[in-house]
Amino acid sequence: MVHRSVNYPPLDGSLFLPELLEFNARHNSNVTFYIYDKPGSSDLVSISHLDFYQACHRAAHEIVRTGAEKEVVALIGNSDTLLYQTVF
């Protein structure tokens, strides 16, 4: 799906990665962020900026739920780009 009205975040360094995700979730919520092949099918799956932002929050809450407050967490894993960016 082509979106003609994309709101771009400021590129002056004022937003870090978490803020960029939030910006796009708010201002470009329905714009596609990822597209990938559905396994075992010729269908494509689209993930919007809002979908990705919400998945990042779910992943963060799962990690925090089991740890102590402000505890540093390290995850090492082999994953695809989408999963990697969702968790990190």
Protein backbone atom coordinates (compact mmCIF):
# COMPACT_ATOMS: atom_id res chain seq x y z
CA MET A 1 0.00 0.00 0.00
CA VAL A 2 1.45 3.39 -0.99
CA HIS A 3 0.98 6.24 1.45
CA ARG A 4 1.28 9.70 0.01
CA SER A 5 1.29 11.58 3.30
CA VAL A 6 4.13 10.38 5.47
CA ASN A 7 5.15 12.60 8.37
CA TYR A 8 8.91 12.46 8.76
CA PRO A 9 10.52 12.81 12.19
CA PRO A 10 13.07 15.53 12.81
CA LEU A 11 16.54 14.47 11.74
CA ASP A 12 18.38 16.82 14.08
CA GLY A 13 19.30 14.12 16.60
CA SER A 14 16.60 15.18 19.06
CA LEU A 15 14.89 11.77 18.91
CA PHE A 16 16.52 8.51 19.90
CA LEU A 17 15.28 5.10 18.70
CA PRO A 18 12.45 4.75 21.27
CA GLU A 19 11.23 8.26 20.47
CA LEU A 20 11.43 7.58 16.73
CA LEU A 21 9.24 4.51 17.17
CA GLU A 22 6.75 6.52 19.19
CA PHE A 23 6.77 9.37 16.65
CA ASN A 24 5.98 6.99 13.79
CA ALA A 25 3.32 5.17 15.83
CA ARG A 26 1.57 8.49 16.41
CA HIS A 27 2.10 10.25 13.09
CA ASN A 28 2.40 7.34 10.64
CA SER A 29 0.39 4.68 12.42
CA ASN A 30 -1.05 3.04 9.29
CA VAL A 31 2.10 3.31 7.17
CA THR A 32 3.77 -0.04 6.49
CA PHE A 33 7.05 -0.53 8.35
CA TYR A 34 7.78 -4.18 7.44
CA ILE A 35 6.61 -6.62 4.80
CA TYR A 36 7.56 -10.28 4.83
CA ASP A 37 6.53 -13.59 3.25
CA LYS A 38 4.14 -15.70 5.25
CA PRO A 39 5.85 -19.08 5.76
CA GLY A 40 4.40 -21.84 3.60
CA SER A 41 2.39 -19.39 1.52
CA SER A 42 2.76 -16.82 -1.23
CA ASP A 43 0.97 -14.24 0.94
CA LEU A 44 2.69 -11.14 2.25
CA VAL A 45 2.28 -9.89 5.80
CA SER A 46 2.41 -6.14 6.43
CA ILE A 47 3.27 -4.61 9.78
CA SER A 48 2.46 -0.96 10.35
CA HIS A 49 4.42 1.47 12.50
CA LEU A 50 1.70 1.21 15.16
CA ASP A 51 1.77 -2.61 15.12
CA PHE A 52 5.55 -2.60 15.51
CA TYR A 53 5.47 -0.03 18.33
CA GLN A 54 2.88 -2.07 20.24
CA ALA A 55 4.92 -5.27 19.76
CA CYS A 56 8.00 -3.50 21.17
CA HIS A 57 6.01 -2.50 24.25
CA ARG A 58 4.69 -6.03 24.74
CA ALA A 59 8.22 -7.45 24.48
CA ALA A 60 9.58 -4.88 26.95
CA HIS A 61 6.82 -5.57 29.47
CA GLU A 62 7.47 -9.32 29.29
CA ILE A 63 11.16 -8.79 29.98
CA VAL A 64 10.61 -6.27 32.80
CA ARG A 65 7.88 -8.33 34.46
CA THR A 66 10.33 -11.05 35.49
CA GLY A 67 13.24 -8.82 36.54
CA ALA A 68 14.03 -6.43 39.34
CA GLU A 69 13.39 -2.73 38.84
CA LYS A 70 16.10 -1.03 36.74
CA GLU A 71 17.91 -4.34 36.37
CA VAL A 72 20.17 -4.51 33.31
CA VAL A 73 19.09 -7.26 30.92
CA ALA A 74 21.13 -8.77 28.12
CA LEU A 75 19.65 -11.00 25.46
CA ILE A 76 21.71 -13.00 23.02
CA GLY A 77 19.91 -14.76 20.24
CA ASN A 78 19.85 -15.55 16.58
CA SER A 79 16.79 -13.96 15.04
CA ASP A 80 15.50 -12.26 11.95
CA THR A 81 15.53 -8.47 11.58
CA LEU A 82 11.92 -7.96 12.62
CA LEU A 83 12.22 -9.93 15.86
CA TYR A 84 15.60 -8.36 16.64
CA GLN A 85 14.30 -4.79 16.27
CA THR A 86 11.14 -5.55 18.23
CA VAL A 87 13.11 -6.73 21.25
CA PHE A 88 15.95 -4.23 20.98
